[in-house]
Amino acid sequence: MNLIRLLKPEAPVQANTLEEILGDIERYGEPRLGKYHNKWNCNVELNVVAVGATFKVSSEYNSHATPIAAAIECQQRVRDALDKLGKGMK
């Protein structure tokens, strides 16, 4: 993954299904989706510009009734994190 890709994320994918949303998130890391205590959570460890550096983006724990709700929140948080990272690098 290169610096440009992180600082200028690709255009959002028009995602309507869980598989499409996870595919969009997967462009930046390996998403994980799981059910814990009857609620869904989605998280991904993003690769960043420094060699060996990563950071984790996650949906809220114990707050999503469906897997797609958790994935949508995680997807938005990935986009927000990449936007903020890009602004901080200028």
N, C-alpha and C. Protein backbone atom coordinates (compact mmCIF):
# COMPACT_ATOMS: atom_id res chain seq x y z
N MET A 1 0.85 -1.16 0.00
CA MET A 1 0.00 0.00 0.00
C MET A 1 0.90 1.23 0.00
N ASN A 2 0.58 2.23 -0.82
CA ASN A 2 1.47 3.38 -0.88
C ASN A 2 0.87 4.61 -0.19
N LEU A 3 1.73 5.61 0.01
CA LEU A 3 1.33 6.83 0.71
C LEU A 3 0.17 7.53 0.02
N ILE A 4 0.20 7.64 -1.27
CA ILE A 4 -0.86 8.33 -2.01
C ILE A 4 -2.20 7.65 -1.77
N ARG A 5 -2.22 6.36 -1.78
CA ARG A 5 -3.48 5.63 -1.59
C ARG A 5 -4.06 5.90 -0.21
N LEU A 6 -3.21 6.02 0.79
CA LEU A 6 -3.71 6.30 2.13
C LEU A 6 -4.17 7.74 2.28
N LEU A 7 -3.42 8.67 1.73
CA LEU A 7 -3.75 10.07 1.92
C LEU A 7 -4.89 10.53 1.02
N LYS A 8 -5.06 9.86 -0.08
CA LYS A 8 -6.17 10.16 -0.99
C LYS A 8 -6.92 8.87 -1.27
N PRO A 9 -7.82 8.48 -0.37
CA PRO A 9 -8.52 7.21 -0.55
C PRO A 9 -9.28 7.18 -1.87
N GLU A 10 -9.39 6.00 -2.39
CA GLU A 10 -10.16 5.83 -3.61
C GLU A 10 -11.59 6.29 -3.38
N ALA A 11 -12.27 6.62 -4.46
CA ALA A 11 -13.67 7.03 -4.34
C ALA A 11 -14.47 5.93 -3.65
N PRO A 12 -15.40 6.32 -2.79
CA PRO A 12 -16.21 5.31 -2.10
C PRO A 12 -16.91 4.38 -3.08
N VAL A 13 -16.93 3.14 -2.72
CA VAL A 13 -17.63 2.15 -3.52
C VAL A 13 -19.12 2.28 -3.22
N GLN A 14 -19.94 2.19 -4.25
CA GLN A 14 -21.39 2.18 -4.05
C GLN A 14 -21.75 0.82 -3.49
N ALA A 15 -21.79 0.73 -2.17
CA ALA A 15 -21.97 -0.55 -1.51
C ALA A 15 -23.39 -0.68 -0.96
N ASN A 16 -24.05 -1.74 -1.36
CA ASN A 16 -25.42 -1.99 -0.91
C ASN A 16 -25.54 -3.28 -0.10
N THR A 17 -24.52 -4.12 -0.18
CA THR A 17 -24.58 -5.39 0.53
C THR A 17 -23.42 -5.47 1.51
N LEU A 18 -23.52 -6.36 2.45
CA LEU A 18 -22.46 -6.56 3.43
C LEU A 18 -21.15 -6.92 2.73
N GLU A 19 -21.24 -7.79 1.74
CA GLU A 19 -20.04 -8.21 1.01
C GLU A 19 -19.37 -7.02 0.32
N GLU A 20 -20.14 -6.13 -0.26
CA GLU A 20 -19.58 -4.95 -0.94
C GLU A 20 -18.93 -3.99 0.06
N ILE A 21 -19.56 -3.80 1.21
CA ILE A 21 -19.01 -2.90 2.23
C ILE A 21 -17.68 -3.46 2.75
N LEU A 22 -17.65 -4.75 3.05
CA LEU A 22 -16.41 -5.37 3.52
C LEU A 22 -15.34 -5.33 2.44
N GLY A 23 -15.74 -5.47 1.18
CA GLY A 23 -14.79 -5.37 0.07
C GLY A 23 -14.18 -3.98 -0.01
N ASP A 24 -14.97 -2.96 0.25
CA ASP A 24 -14.47 -1.59 0.25
C ASP A 24 -13.45 -1.41 1.39
N ILE A 25 -13.80 -1.87 2.58
CA ILE A 25 -12.90 -1.76 3.73
C ILE A 25 -11.61 -2.54 3.48
N GLU A 26 -11.73 -3.66 2.81
CA GLU A 26 -10.58 -4.55 2.57
C GLU A 26 -9.49 -3.89 1.73
N ARG A 27 -9.82 -2.83 1.02
CA ARG A 27 -8.80 -2.13 0.22
C ARG A 27 -7.73 -1.51 1.12
N TYR A 28 -7.99 -1.35 2.41
CA TYR A 28 -7.07 -0.69 3.33
C TYR A 28 -6.55 -1.60 4.44
N GLY A 29 -7.07 -2.79 4.56
CA GLY A 29 -6.64 -3.73 5.59
C GLY A 29 -7.53 -4.96 5.57
N GLU A 30 -7.43 -5.78 6.58
CA GLU A 30 -8.25 -6.99 6.65
C GLU A 30 -9.38 -6.81 7.66
N PRO A 31 -10.61 -6.64 7.15
CA PRO A 31 -11.73 -6.42 8.08
C PRO A 31 -12.09 -7.69 8.85
N ARG A 32 -12.55 -7.48 10.05
CA ARG A 32 -13.04 -8.57 10.89
C ARG A 32 -14.45 -8.20 11.34
N LEU A 33 -15.34 -9.15 11.25
CA LEU A 33 -16.74 -8.94 11.62
C LEU A 33 -17.12 -10.06 12.56
N GLY A 34 -17.66 -9.71 13.72
CA GLY A 34 -18.01 -10.76 14.67
C GLY A 34 -19.15 -10.35 15.58
N LYS A 35 -19.73 -11.34 16.19
CA LYS A 35 -20.84 -11.12 17.12
C LYS A 35 -20.34 -11.43 18.53
N TYR A 36 -20.50 -10.45 19.42
CA TYR A 36 -20.04 -10.57 20.79
C TYR A 36 -21.17 -10.16 21.72
N HIS A 37 -21.57 -11.04 22.60
CA HIS A 37 -22.65 -10.75 23.55
C HIS A 37 -23.92 -10.28 22.82
N ASN A 38 -24.28 -10.95 21.75
CA ASN A 38 -25.48 -10.69 20.96
C ASN A 38 -25.48 -9.37 20.20
N LYS A 39 -24.33 -8.73 20.05
CA LYS A 39 -24.21 -7.50 19.27
C LYS A 39 -23.06 -7.66 18.28
N TRP A 40 -23.14 -6.95 17.16
CA TRP A 40 -22.15 -7.06 16.10
C TRP A 40 -21.10 -5.97 16.20
N ASN A 41 -19.87 -6.33 15.79
CA ASN A 41 -18.75 -5.39 15.74
C ASN A 41 -17.95 -5.65 14.48
N CYS A 42 -17.44 -4.58 13.89
CA CYS A 42 -16.57 -4.68 12.72
C CYS A 42 -15.32 -3.86 13.02
N ASN A 43 -14.14 -4.41 12.71
CA ASN A 43 -12.92 -3.64 12.87
C ASN A 43 -11.92 -4.02 11.80
N VAL A 44 -10.94 -3.14 11.62
CA VAL A 44 -9.90 -3.36 10.62
C VAL A 44 -8.62 -2.71 11.12
N GLU A 45 -7.50 -3.37 10.90
CA GLU A 45 -6.21 -2.79 11.21
C GLU A 45 -5.68 -2.19 9.92
N LEU A 46 -5.55 -0.87 9.90
CA LEU A 46 -5.10 -0.18 8.69
C LEU A 46 -3.59 -0.11 8.64
N ASN A 47 -3.03 -0.35 7.47
CA ASN A 47 -1.61 -0.16 7.24
C ASN A 47 -1.39 1.32 6.97
N VAL A 48 -0.38 1.90 7.60
CA VAL A 48 -0.11 3.33 7.39
C VAL A 48 1.28 3.52 6.81
N VAL A 49 1.66 4.78 6.59
CA VAL A 49 2.87 5.09 5.85
C VAL A 49 4.17 4.67 6.52
N ALA A 50 4.25 4.69 7.82
CA ALA A 50 5.49 4.29 8.49
C ALA A 50 5.62 2.76 8.43
N VAL A 51 6.79 2.29 8.10
CA VAL A 51 7.03 0.86 8.00
C VAL A 51 6.70 0.19 9.33
N GLY A 52 5.87 -0.81 9.27
CA GLY A 52 5.51 -1.56 10.46
C GLY A 52 4.44 -0.90 11.33
N ALA A 53 3.95 0.26 10.94
CA ALA A 53 2.95 0.95 11.75
C ALA A 53 1.55 0.60 11.26
N THR A 54 0.65 0.42 12.20
CA THR A 54 -0.76 0.18 11.89
C THR A 54 -1.60 0.91 12.92
N PHE A 55 -2.87 1.09 12.61
CA PHE A 55 -3.81 1.54 13.63
C PHE A 55 -5.14 0.87 13.36
N LYS A 56 -5.91 0.72 14.42
CA LYS A 56 -7.16 -0.02 14.35
C LYS A 56 -8.34 0.93 14.28
N VAL A 57 -9.27 0.62 13.41
CA VAL A 57 -10.53 1.35 13.28
C VAL A 57 -11.64 0.35 13.58
N SER A 58 -12.60 0.77 14.39
CA SER A 58 -13.64 -0.16 14.82
C SER A 58 -14.99 0.53 14.92
N SER A 59 -16.04 -0.25 14.72
CA SER A 59 -17.38 0.24 15.04
C SER A 59 -17.52 0.17 16.56
N GLU A 60 -18.57 0.77 17.09
CA GLU A 60 -18.81 0.72 18.53
C GLU A 60 -19.06 -0.73 18.96
N TYR A 61 -18.50 -1.10 20.10
CA TYR A 61 -18.75 -2.43 20.64
C TYR A 61 -20.12 -2.48 21.29
N ASN A 62 -20.74 -3.63 21.22
CA ASN A 62 -22.02 -3.88 21.88
C ASN A 62 -23.11 -2.88 21.53
N SER A 63 -23.18 -2.48 20.26
CA SER A 63 -24.22 -1.51 19.92
C SER A 63 -24.95 -1.79 18.61
N HIS A 64 -24.54 -2.78 17.84
CA HIS A 64 -25.15 -3.01 16.54
C HIS A 64 -25.95 -4.32 16.51
N ALA A 65 -27.20 -4.20 16.14
CA ALA A 65 -28.08 -5.38 16.08
C ALA A 65 -27.83 -6.22 14.83
N THR A 66 -27.25 -5.62 13.78
CA THR A 66 -27.02 -6.34 12.53
C THR A 66 -25.57 -6.20 12.09
N PRO A 67 -25.05 -7.18 11.35
CA PRO A 67 -23.67 -7.08 10.87
C PRO A 67 -23.48 -5.93 9.88
N ILE A 68 -24.48 -5.65 9.08
CA ILE A 68 -24.32 -4.57 8.10
C ILE A 68 -24.23 -3.20 8.78
N ALA A 69 -24.94 -3.01 9.88
CA ALA A 69 -24.86 -1.73 10.61
C ALA A 69 -23.45 -1.53 11.17
N ALA A 70 -22.86 -2.59 11.70
CA ALA A 70 -21.49 -2.50 12.22
C ALA A 70 -20.50 -2.21 11.09
N ALA A 71 -20.68 -2.87 9.95
CA ALA A 71 -19.77 -2.68 8.82
C ALA A 71 -19.89 -1.27 8.24
N ILE A 72 -21.08 -0.74 8.15
CA ILE A 72 -21.28 0.61 7.63
C ILE A 72 -20.58 1.63 8.53
N GLU A 73 -20.73 1.48 9.84
CA GLU A 73 -20.07 2.41 10.76
C GLU A 73 -18.55 2.31 10.64
N CYS A 74 -18.03 1.10 10.55
CA CYS A 74 -16.60 0.90 10.40
C CYS A 74 -16.10 1.53 9.10
N GLN A 75 -16.83 1.33 8.02
CA GLN A 75 -16.47 1.89 6.72
C GLN A 75 -16.38 3.42 6.80
N GLN A 76 -17.34 4.06 7.44
CA GLN A 76 -17.33 5.50 7.57
C GLN A 76 -16.15 5.97 8.43
N ARG A 77 -15.87 5.24 9.47
CA ARG A 77 -14.75 5.59 10.34
C ARG A 77 -13.40 5.43 9.63
N VAL A 78 -13.29 4.43 8.75
CA VAL A 78 -12.08 4.27 7.94
C VAL A 78 -11.90 5.52 7.08
N ARG A 79 -12.95 5.92 6.40
CA ARG A 79 -12.89 7.10 5.53
C ARG A 79 -12.52 8.36 6.32
N ASP A 80 -13.14 8.52 7.49
CA ASP A 80 -12.84 9.69 8.34
C ASP A 80 -11.38 9.67 8.80
N ALA A 81 -10.88 8.50 9.19
CA ALA A 81 -9.50 8.39 9.66
C ALA A 81 -8.52 8.71 8.53
N LEU A 82 -8.78 8.22 7.33
CA LEU A 82 -7.90 8.49 6.21
C LEU A 82 -7.93 9.97 5.84
N ASP A 83 -9.10 10.59 5.91
CA ASP A 83 -9.20 12.03 5.66
C ASP A 83 -8.36 12.82 6.66
N LYS A 84 -8.48 12.49 7.94
CA LYS A 84 -7.73 13.20 8.98
C LYS A 84 -6.24 12.95 8.85
N LEU A 85 -5.84 11.73 8.53
CA LEU A 85 -4.44 11.41 8.34
C LEU A 85 -3.88 12.22 7.18
N GLY A 86 -4.62 12.32 6.09
CA GLY A 86 -4.18 13.09 4.94
C GLY A 86 -4.02 14.56 5.26
N LYS A 87 -4.93 15.13 6.03
CA LYS A 87 -4.84 16.54 6.39
C LYS A 87 -3.67 16.80 7.33
N GLY A 88 -3.38 15.84 8.19
CA GLY A 88 -2.28 15.99 9.13
C GLY A 88 -0.91 15.88 8.49
N MET A 89 -0.82 15.28 7.31
CA MET A 89 0.45 15.07 6.64
C MET A 89 0.84 16.24 5.75
N LYS A 90 -0.03 17.22 5.57
CA LYS A 90 0.26 18.34 4.66
C LYS A 90 1.15 19.36 5.31
